[in-house]
PDB file of N, CA and C in Angstrom:
ATOM      1  N   MET A   1      20.164 -83.347  85.338  1.00  0.00           N
ATOM      2  CA  MET A   1      19.348 -83.356  86.475  1.00  0.00           C
ATOM      3  C   MET A   1      18.328 -84.461  86.509  1.00  0.00           C
ATOM      4  N   LEU A   2      18.247 -85.038  87.629  1.00  0.00           N
ATOM      5  CA  LEU A   2      17.310 -86.225  87.821  1.00  0.00           C
ATOM      6  C   LEU A   2      15.981 -85.643  87.952  1.00  0.00           C
ATOM      7  N   SER A   3      14.950 -86.362  87.620  1.00  0.00           N
ATOM      8  CA  SER A   3      13.594 -86.181  87.697  1.00  0.00           C
ATOM      9  C   SER A   3      12.911 -86.954  88.789  1.00  0.00           C
ATOM     10  N   ASN A   4      11.984 -86.424  89.587  1.00  0.00           N
ATOM     11  CA  ASN A   4      11.208 -87.038  90.471  1.00  0.00           C
ATOM     12  C   ASN A   4       9.889 -87.235  89.794  1.00  0.00           C
ATOM     13  N   LEU A   5       9.624 -88.528  89.510  1.00  0.00           N
ATOM     14  CA  LEU A   5       8.466 -88.844  88.644  1.00  0.00           C
ATOM     15  C   LEU A   5       7.436 -89.552  89.473  1.00  0.00           C
ATOM     16  N   ILE A   6       6.198 -89.076  89.357  1.00  0.00           N
ATOM     17  CA  ILE A   6       5.057 -89.998  89.856  1.00  0.00           C
ATOM     18  C   ILE A   6       4.289 -90.737  88.621  1.00  0.00           C
ATOM     19  N   VAL A   7       4.255 -91.869  88.770  1.00  0.00           N
ATOM     20  CA  VAL A   7       3.529 -92.686  87.683  1.00  0.00           C
ATOM     21  C   VAL A   7       2.322 -93.272  88.186  1.00  0.00           C
ATOM     22  N   SER A   8       1.331 -93.076  87.308  1.00  0.00           N
ATOM     23  CA  SER A   8      -0.062 -93.619  87.778  1.00  0.00           C
ATOM     24  C   SER A   8      -0.540 -94.275  86.434  1.00  0.00           C
ATOM     25  N   TYR A   9      -1.175 -95.463  86.549  1.00  0.00           N
ATOM     26  CA  TYR A   9      -1.608 -96.178  85.354  1.00  0.00           C
ATOM     27  C   TYR A   9      -2.858 -96.895  85.780  1.00  0.00           C
ATOM     28  N   ASP A  10      -3.678 -97.194  84.729  1.00  0.00           N
ATOM     29  CA  ASP A  10      -4.756 -98.102  84.746  1.00  0.00           C
ATOM     30  C   ASP A  10      -4.851 -99.003  83.585  1.00  0.00           C
ATOM     31  N   LEU A  11      -4.893-100.411  83.843  1.00  0.00           N
ATOM     32  CA  LEU A  11      -5.036-101.338  82.711  1.00  0.00           C
ATOM     33  C   LEU A  11      -6.458-101.839  82.838  1.00  0.00           C
ATOM     34  N   HIS A  12      -7.073-101.506  81.722  1.00  0.00           N
ATOM     35  CA  HIS A  12      -8.523-101.625  81.589  1.00  0.00           C
ATOM     36  C   HIS A  12      -9.155-102.900  81.252  1.00  0.00           C
ATOM     37  N   ALA A  13      -8.323-103.725  80.428  1.00  0.00           N
ATOM     38  CA  ALA A  13      -8.905-105.071  80.098  1.00  0.00           C
ATOM     39  C   ALA A  13      -8.355-106.173  80.976  1.00  0.00           C
ATOM     40  N   THR A  14      -9.037-107.083  81.070  1.00  0.00           N
ATOM     41  CA  THR A  14      -8.561-108.281  81.827  1.00  0.00           C
ATOM     42  C   THR A  14      -7.380-109.034  80.956  1.00  0.00           C
ATOM     43  N   GLY A  15      -6.548-109.776  81.677  1.00  0.00           N
ATOM     44  CA  GLY A  15      -5.497-110.342  81.022  1.00  0.00           C
ATOM     45  C   GLY A  15      -4.368-109.510  80.621  1.00  0.00           C
ATOM     46  N   GLN A  16      -4.262-108.310  81.199  1.00  0.00           N
ATOM     47  CA  GLN A  16      -3.056-107.458  80.874  1.00  0.00           C
ATOM     48  C   GLN A  16      -1.868-107.915  81.437  1.00  0.00           C
ATOM     49  N   ASN A  17      -0.783-107.460  80.909  1.00  0.00           N
ATOM     50  CA  ASN A  17       0.529-107.894  81.347  1.00  0.00           C
ATOM     51  C   ASN A  17       1.167-106.960  82.396  1.00  0.00           C
ATOM     52  N   TYR A  18       0.626-107.035  83.601  1.00  0.00           N
ATOM     53  CA  TYR A  18       1.069-106.164  84.652  1.00  0.00           C
ATOM     54  C   TYR A  18       2.604-106.285  84.909  1.00  0.00           C
ATOM     55  N   ASP A  19       3.143-107.413  84.835  1.00  0.00           N
ATOM     56  CA  ASP A  19       4.587-107.622  85.084  1.00  0.00           C
ATOM     57  C   ASP A  19       5.360-106.878  84.112  1.00  0.00           C
ATOM     58  N   ALA A  20       5.058-106.679  82.794  1.00  0.00           N
ATOM     59  CA  ALA A  20       5.782-105.953  81.851  1.00  0.00           C
ATOM     60  C   ALA A  20       5.790-104.503  82.166  1.00  0.00           C
ATOM     61  N   VAL A  21       4.531-103.995  82.493  1.00  0.00           N
ATOM     62  CA  VAL A  21       4.435-102.590  82.887  1.00  0.00           C
ATOM     63  C   VAL A  21       5.211-102.258  84.031  1.00  0.00           C
ATOM     64  N   ILE A  22       5.038-102.974  85.143  1.00  0.00           N
ATOM     65  CA  ILE A  22       5.831-102.778  86.358  1.00  0.00           C
ATOM     66  C   ILE A  22       7.395-102.908  86.009  1.00  0.00           C
ATOM     67  N   LYS A  23       7.787-103.877  85.329  1.00  0.00           N
ATOM     68  CA  LYS A  23       9.150-103.920  84.885  1.00  0.00           C
ATOM     69  C   LYS A  23       9.729-102.681  84.235  1.00  0.00           C
ATOM     70  N   SER A  24       8.847-102.178  83.222  1.00  0.00           N
ATOM     71  CA  SER A  24       9.239-100.982  82.555  1.00  0.00           C
ATOM     72  C   SER A  24       9.235 -99.753  83.523  1.00  0.00           C
ATOM     73  N   ILE A  25       8.447 -99.675  84.549  1.00  0.00           N
ATOM     74  CA  ILE A  25       8.471 -98.589  85.513  1.00  0.00           C
ATOM     75  C   ILE A  25       9.778 -98.698  86.435  1.00  0.00           C
ATOM     76  N   LYS A  26       9.992 -99.878  86.946  1.00  0.00           N
ATOM     77  CA  LYS A  26      11.307-100.004  87.634  1.00  0.00           C
ATOM     78  C   LYS A  26      12.503 -99.743  86.913  1.00  0.00           C
ATOM     79  N   SER A  27      12.560-100.015  85.503  1.00  0.00           N
ATOM     80  CA  SER A  27      13.625 -99.844  84.811  1.00  0.00           C
ATOM     81  C   SER A  27      14.016 -98.195  84.521  1.00  0.00           C
ATOM     82  N   LEU A  28      13.075 -97.409  84.817  1.00  0.00           N
ATOM     83  CA  LEU A  28      13.355 -96.042  84.746  1.00  0.00           C
ATOM     84  C   LEU A  28      14.343 -95.423  85.762  1.00  0.00           C
ATOM     85  N   GLY A  29      14.574 -96.144  86.960  1.00  0.00           N
ATOM     86  CA  GLY A  29      15.473 -95.481  87.983  1.00  0.00           C
ATOM     87  C   GLY A  29      15.052 -96.191  89.339  1.00  0.00           C
ATOM     88  N   GLY A  30      15.599 -95.429  90.302  1.00  0.00           N
ATOM     89  CA  GLY A  30      15.319 -95.866  91.681  1.00  0.00           C
ATOM     90  C   GLY A  30      13.774 -95.617  91.894  1.00  0.00           C
ATOM     91  N   TRP A  31      13.140 -96.606  92.523  1.00  0.00           N
ATOM     92  CA  TRP A  31      11.624 -96.457  92.641  1.00  0.00           C
ATOM     93  C   TRP A  31      11.135 -96.972  94.043  1.00  0.00           C
ATOM     94  N   ALA A  32       9.788 -96.485  94.241  1.00  0.00           N
ATOM     95  CA  ALA A  32       9.177 -96.850  95.385  1.00  0.00           C
ATOM     96  C   ALA A  32       7.685 -97.145  95.018  1.00  0.00           C
ATOM     97  N   HIS A  33       7.269 -98.166  95.361  1.00  0.00           N
ATOM     98  CA  HIS A  33       5.772 -98.518  94.964  1.00  0.00           C
ATOM     99  C   HIS A  33       4.872 -97.903  96.138  1.00  0.00           C
ATOM    100  N   ILE A  34       4.246 -96.831  95.794  1.00  0.00           N
ATOM    101  CA  ILE A  34       3.453 -96.044  96.682  1.00  0.00           C
ATOM    102  C   ILE A  34       2.189 -96.677  97.109  1.00  0.00           C
ATOM    103  N   GLN A  35       1.337 -97.083  96.194  1.00  0.00           N
ATOM    104  CA  GLN A  35       0.150 -97.857  96.419  1.00  0.00           C
ATOM    105  C   GLN A  35      -0.432 -98.380  94.940  1.00  0.00           C
ATOM    106  N   GLY A  36      -0.990 -99.405  95.022  1.00  0.00           N
ATOM    107  CA  GLY A  36      -1.811 -99.805  93.867  1.00  0.00           C
ATOM    108  C   GLY A  36      -1.118 -99.616  92.624  1.00  0.00           C
ATOM    109  N   SER A  37      -1.514 -98.636  91.833  1.00  0.00           N
ATOM    110  CA  SER A  37      -0.949 -98.519  90.547  1.00  0.00           C
ATOM    111  C   SER A  37      -0.152 -97.126  90.440  1.00  0.00           C
ATOM    112  N   ILE A  38       0.227 -96.656  91.589  1.00  0.00           N
ATOM    113  CA  ILE A  38       1.082 -95.394  91.777  1.00  0.00           C
ATOM    114  C   ILE A  38       2.443 -95.748  92.240  1.00  0.00           C
ATOM    115  N   TRP A  39       3.443 -95.118  91.350  1.00  0.00           N
ATOM    116  CA  TRP A  39       4.888 -95.396  91.801  1.00  0.00           C
ATOM    117  C   TRP A  39       5.516 -94.051  91.767  1.00  0.00           C
ATOM    118  N   TYR A  40       6.646 -94.028  92.668  1.00  0.00           N
ATOM    119  CA  TYR A  40       7.544 -92.875  92.572  1.00  0.00           C
ATOM    120  C   TYR A  40       8.807 -93.422  91.964  1.00  0.00           C
ATOM    121  N   VAL A  41       9.463 -92.668  91.057  1.00  0.00           N
ATOM    122  CA  VAL A  41      10.642 -92.977  90.383  1.00  0.00           C
ATOM    123  C   VAL A  41      11.618 -91.729  90.348  1.00  0.00           C
ATOM    124  N   ASN A  42      12.929 -92.022  90.713  1.00  0.00           N
ATOM    125  CA  ASN A  42      14.031 -90.951  90.631  1.00  0.00           C
ATOM    126  C   ASN A  42      14.628 -91.335  89.302  1.00  0.00           C
ATOM    127  N   SER A  43      14.659 -90.556  88.283  1.00  0.00           N
ATOM    128  CA  SER A  43      15.023 -91.001  86.883  1.00  0.00           C
ATOM    129  C   SER A  43      15.841 -89.977  86.121  1.00  0.00           C
ATOM    130  N   GLN A  44      16.585 -90.481  85.183  1.00  0.00           N
ATOM    131  CA  GLN A  44      17.148 -89.498  84.301  1.00  0.00           C
ATOM    132  C   GLN A  44      16.214 -89.274  83.098  1.00  0.00           C
ATOM    133  N   PHE A  45      15.144 -89.868  83.034  1.00  0.00           N
ATOM    134  CA  PHE A  45      14.142 -89.652  82.059  1.00  0.00           C
ATOM    135  C   PHE A  45      13.256 -88.410  82.507  1.00  0.00           C
ATOM    136  N   ASN A  46      12.817 -87.712  81.446  1.00  0.00           N
ATOM    137  CA  ASN A  46      11.741 -86.619  81.702  1.00  0.00           C
ATOM    138  C   ASN A  46      10.439 -87.356  81.614  1.00  0.00           C
ATOM    139  N   ALA A  47       9.389 -86.539  81.875  1.00  0.00           N
ATOM    140  CA  ALA A  47       7.897 -87.196  82.000  1.00  0.00           C
ATOM    141  C   ALA A  47       7.618 -87.783  80.573  1.00  0.00           C
ATOM    142  N   GLU A  48       7.954 -86.950  79.535  1.00  0.00           N
ATOM    143  CA  GLU A  48       7.525 -87.632  78.052  1.00  0.00           C
ATOM    144  C   GLU A  48       8.302 -88.932  77.861  1.00  0.00           C
ATOM    145  N   GLN A  49       9.620 -88.828  77.999  1.00  0.00           N
ATOM    146  CA  GLN A  49      10.394 -90.016  77.683  1.00  0.00           C
ATOM    147  C   GLN A  49       9.979 -91.145  78.543  1.00  0.00           C
ATOM    148  N   ALA A  50       9.792 -91.113  79.870  1.00  0.00           N
ATOM    149  CA  ALA A  50       9.317 -92.040  80.652  1.00  0.00           C
ATOM    150  C   ALA A  50       7.964 -92.612  80.272  1.00  0.00           C
ATOM    151  N   ALA A  51       6.986 -91.740  79.978  1.00  0.00           N
ATOM    152  CA  ALA A  51       5.670 -92.149  79.542  1.00  0.00           C
ATOM    153  C   ALA A  51       5.651 -93.022  78.241  1.00  0.00           C
ATOM    154  N   LYS A  52       6.559 -92.588  77.315  1.00  0.00           N
ATOM    155  CA  LYS A  52       6.629 -93.381  76.077  1.00  0.00           C
ATOM    156  C   LYS A  52       7.300 -94.757  76.340  1.00  0.00           C
ATOM    157  N   HIS A  53       8.217 -94.780  77.267  1.00  0.00           N
ATOM    158  CA  HIS A  53       8.736 -96.147  77.630  1.00  0.00           C
ATOM    159  C   HIS A  53       7.849 -97.050  78.272  1.00  0.00           C
ATOM    160  N   VAL A  54       7.030 -96.460  79.184  1.00  0.00           N
ATOM    161  CA  VAL A  54       6.067 -97.364  79.901  1.00  0.00           C
ATOM    162  C   VAL A  54       4.922 -97.632  78.982  1.00  0.00           C
ATOM    163  N   TRP A  55       4.436 -96.752  78.184  1.00  0.00           N
ATOM    164  CA  TRP A  55       3.352 -96.936  77.188  1.00  0.00           C
ATOM    165  C   TRP A  55       3.616 -98.001  76.266  1.00  0.00           C
ATOM    166  N   GLY A  56       4.810 -98.261  75.968  1.00  0.00           N
ATOM    167  CA  GLY A  56       5.337 -99.352  75.077  1.00  0.00           C
ATOM    168  C   GLY A  56       4.690-100.717  75.567  1.00  0.00           C
ATOM    169  N   ASN A  57       4.415-100.901  76.796  1.00  0.00           N
ATOM    170  CA  ASN A  57       4.060-102.084  77.435  1.00  0.00           C
ATOM    171  C   ASN A  57       2.580-102.178  77.819  1.00  0.00           C
ATOM    172  N   MET A  58       1.897-101.151  77.382  1.00  0.00           N
ATOM    173  CA  MET A  58       0.410-100.972  77.561  1.00  0.00           C
ATOM    174  C   MET A  58      -0.424-101.205  76.308  1.00  0.00           C
ATOM    175  N   ASP A  59      -1.741-101.328  76.491  1.00  0.00           N
ATOM    176  CA  ASP A  59      -2.685-101.361  75.316  1.00  0.00           C
ATOM    177  C   ASP A  59      -3.222 -99.958  75.187  1.00  0.00           C
ATOM    178  N   GLU A  60      -3.637 -99.673  73.926  1.00  0.00           N
ATOM    179  CA  GLU A  60      -4.208 -98.400  73.610  1.00  0.00           C
ATOM    180  C   GLU A  60      -5.555 -98.055  74.417  1.00  0.00           C
ATOM    181  N   ASN A  61      -6.217 -98.966  75.112  1.00  0.00           N
ATOM    182  CA  ASN A  61      -7.347 -98.622  75.752  1.00  0.00           C
ATOM    183  C   ASN A  61      -6.988 -98.335  77.253  1.00  0.00           C
ATOM    184  N   ASP A  62      -5.760 -98.536  77.622  1.00  0.00           N
ATOM    185  CA  ASP A  62      -5.242 -98.223  79.056  1.00  0.00           C
ATOM    186  C   ASP A  62      -4.991 -96.766  79.236  1.00  0.00           C
ATOM    187  N   SER A  63      -4.709 -96.326  80.611  1.00  0.00           N
ATOM    188  CA  SER A  63      -4.432 -94.954  80.670  1.00  0.00           C
ATOM    189  C   SER A  63      -3.190 -94.851  81.566  1.00  0.00           C
ATOM    190  N   LEU A  64      -2.457 -93.734  81.365  1.00  0.00           N
ATOM    191  CA  LEU A  64      -1.149 -93.476  82.071  1.00  0.00           C
ATOM    192  C   LEU A  64      -0.876 -92.013  82.140  1.00  0.00           C
ATOM    193  N   ILE A  65      -0.530 -91.615  83.397  1.00  0.00           N
ATOM    194  CA  ILE A  65      -0.077 -90.224  83.570  1.00  0.00           C
ATOM    195  C   ILE A  65       1.374 -90.235  84.307  1.00  0.00           C
ATOM    196  N   ILE A  66       2.279 -89.484  83.843  1.00  0.00           N
ATOM    197  CA  ILE A  66       3.586 -89.404  84.626  1.00  0.00           C
ATOM    198  C   ILE A  66       3.886 -87.853  84.834  1.00  0.00           C
ATOM    199  N   VAL A  67       4.027 -87.498  86.030  1.00  0.00           N
ATOM    200  CA  VAL A  67       4.222 -86.196  86.546  1.00  0.00           C
ATOM    201  C   VAL A  67       5.663 -85.972  87.023  1.00  0.00           C
ATOM    202  N   ASP A  68       6.420 -85.011  86.424  1.00  0.00           N
ATOM    203  CA  ASP A  68       7.783 -84.709  86.952  1.00  0.00           C
ATOM    204  C   ASP A  68       7.590 -83.587  87.889  1.00  0.00           C
ATOM    205  N   SER A  69       7.783 -83.758  89.163  1.00  0.00           N
ATOM    206  CA  SER A  69       7.793 -82.791  90.163  1.00  0.00           C
ATOM    207  C   SER A  69       8.927 -81.820  90.265  1.00  0.00           C
ATOM    208  N   VAL A  70      10.016 -82.155  89.557  1.00  0.00           N
ATOM    209  CA  VAL A  70      11.094 -81.336  89.520  1.00  0.00           C
ATOM    210  C   VAL A  70      10.956 -80.254  88.499  1.00  0.00           C
ATOM    211  N   LYS A  71      10.556 -80.618  87.193  1.00  0.00           N
ATOM    212  CA  LYS A  71      10.324 -79.908  86.097  1.00  0.00           C
ATOM    213  C   LYS A  71       8.971 -79.228  85.906  1.00  0.00           C
ATOM    214  N   ASN A  72       8.025 -79.774  86.735  1.00  0.00           N
ATOM    215  CA  ASN A  72       6.666 -79.361  86.790  1.00  0.00           C
ATOM    216  C   ASN A  72       6.021 -79.630  85.436  1.00  0.00           C
ATOM    217  N   GLU A  73       6.310 -80.848  84.904  1.00  0.00           N
ATOM    218  CA  GLU A  73       5.601 -81.196  83.670  1.00  0.00           C
ATOM    219  C   GLU A  73       4.970 -82.514  83.869  1.00  0.00           C
ATOM    220  N   ALA A  74       3.987 -82.812  83.020  1.00  0.00           N
ATOM    221  CA  ALA A  74       3.200 -84.109  82.898  1.00  0.00           C
ATOM    222  C   ALA A  74       3.028 -84.456  81.513  1.00  0.00           C
ATOM    223  N   TYR A  75       2.996 -85.820  81.359  1.00  0.00           N
ATOM    224  CA  TYR A  75       2.716 -86.411  80.025  1.00  0.00           C
ATOM    225  C   TYR A  75       1.808 -87.554  80.215  1.00  0.00           C
ATOM    226  N   TRP A  76       0.820 -87.728  79.464  1.00  0.00           N
ATOM    227  CA  TRP A  76      -0.164 -88.774  79.673  1.00  0.00           C
ATOM    228  C   TRP A  76      -0.697 -89.454  78.239  1.00  0.00           C
ATOM    229  N   TYR A  77      -1.283 -90.527  78.427  1.00  0.00           N
ATOM    230  CA  TYR A  77      -1.925 -91.211  77.356  1.00  0.00           C
ATOM    231  C   TYR A  77      -3.367 -91.606  77.858  1.00  0.00           C
ATOM    232  N   ASN A  78      -4.225 -91.407  76.914  1.00  0.00           N
ATOM    233  CA  ASN A  78      -5.678 -91.939  77.104  1.00  0.00           C
ATOM    234  C   ASN A  78      -6.273 -91.441  78.309  1.00  0.00           C
ATOM    235  N   LEU A  79      -6.053 -90.431  78.872  1.00  0.00           N
ATOM    236  CA  LEU A  79      -7.019 -89.886  79.941  1.00  0.00           C
ATOM    237  C   LEU A  79      -8.377 -89.393  79.316  1.00  0.00           C
ATOM    238  N   ALA A  80      -9.383 -89.343  80.074  1.00  0.00           N
ATOM    239  CA  ALA A  80     -10.674 -88.887  79.574  1.00  0.00           C
ATOM    240  C   ALA A  80     -10.468 -87.442  79.199  1.00  0.00           C
ATOM    241  N   ASN A  81     -11.089 -87.061  78.251  1.00  0.00           N
ATOM    242  CA  ASN A  81     -11.015 -85.698  77.631  1.00  0.00           C
ATOM    243  C   ASN A  81     -11.273 -84.632  78.648  1.00  0.00           C
ATOM    244  N   GLU A  82     -12.240 -84.827  79.571  1.00  0.00           N
ATOM    245  CA  GLU A  82     -12.486 -83.810  80.554  1.00  0.00           C
ATOM    246  C   GLU A  82     -11.374 -83.658  81.529  1.00  0.00           C
ATOM    247  N   VAL A  83     -10.677 -84.758  81.767  1.00  0.00           N
ATOM    248  CA  VAL A  83      -9.558 -84.728  82.731  1.00  0.00           C
ATOM    249  C   VAL A  83      -8.283 -84.072  82.201  1.00  0.00           C
ATOM    250  N   SER A  84      -8.123 -84.539  80.720  1.00  0.00           N
ATOM    251  CA  SER A  84      -7.038 -83.809  80.087  1.00  0.00           C
ATOM    252  C   SER A  84      -7.136 -82.379  80.000  1.00  0.00           C
ATOM    253  N   ASN A  85      -8.413 -82.009  79.632  1.00  0.00           N
ATOM    254  CA  ASN A  85      -8.645 -80.539  79.342  1.00  0.00           C
ATOM    255  C   ASN A  85      -8.567 -79.679  80.776  1.00  0.00           C
ATOM    256  N   CYS A  86      -8.964 -80.307  81.891  1.00  0.00           N
ATOM    257  CA  CYS A  86      -8.811 -79.728  83.123  1.00  0.00           C
ATOM    258  C   CYS A  86      -7.315 -79.470  83.515  1.00  0.00           C
ATOM    259  N   ILE A  87      -6.472 -80.528  83.202  1.00  0.00           N
ATOM    260  CA  ILE A  87      -5.009 -80.457  83.558  1.00  0.00           C
ATOM    261  C   ILE A  87      -4.473 -79.301  82.711  1.00  0.00           C
ATOM    262  N   GLN A  88      -4.807 -79.331  81.522  1.00  0.00           N
ATOM    263  CA  GLN A  88      -4.156 -78.340  80.447  1.00  0.00           C
ATOM    264  C   GLN A  88      -4.628 -76.925  80.794  1.00  0.00           C
ATOM    265  N   ALA A  89      -5.919 -76.675  81.318  1.00  0.00           N
ATOM    266  CA  ALA A  89      -6.343 -75.398  81.583  1.00  0.00           C
ATOM    267  C   ALA A  89      -5.867 -74.877  82.935  1.00  0.00           C
ATOM    268  N   ASN A  90      -5.439 -75.731  83.780  1.00  0.00           N
ATOM    269  CA  ASN A  90      -5.090 -75.321  85.230  1.00  0.00           C
ATOM    270  C   ASN A  90      -3.667 -75.439  85.579  1.00  0.00           C
ATOM    271  N   TRP A  91      -2.924 -76.221  84.818  1.00  0.00           N
ATOM    272  CA  TRP A  91      -1.512 -76.344  84.973  1.00  0.00           C
ATOM    273  C   TRP A  91      -0.731 -74.963  84.982  1.00  0.00           C
ATOM    274  N   ASN A  92       0.059 -74.728  86.025  1.00  0.00           N
ATOM    275  CA  ASN A  92       0.750 -73.525  85.878  1.00  0.00           C
ATOM    276  C   ASN A  92      -0.156 -72.219  86.086  1.00  0.00           C
ATOM    277  N   ARG A  93      -1.223 -72.358  86.657  1.00  0.00           N
ATOM    278  CA  ARG A  93      -2.115 -71.278  86.635  1.00  0.00           C
ATOM    279  C   ARG A  93      -1.781 -70.226  87.630  1.00  0.00           C
TER     280      ARG A  93
END
């Protein structure tokens, strides 16, 4: 089953390699650039697999979240603790 992924990222330091991040997002499957740093991807990857793939082109101070609307899952890196806690407390509520 294909996943409908929403990808959102922030690259926090100057001089980041946006091209590598964008290329990794596009390589996940059919895509649409929604706005700024938000993308839609129809992919064979699930949220965790996609996040690990994209995160490989990001720095540890960046942030990333990928939401799979088909499987109702999300996977993220380096979100603020209060954001992460809120998502975990309210997801599937």
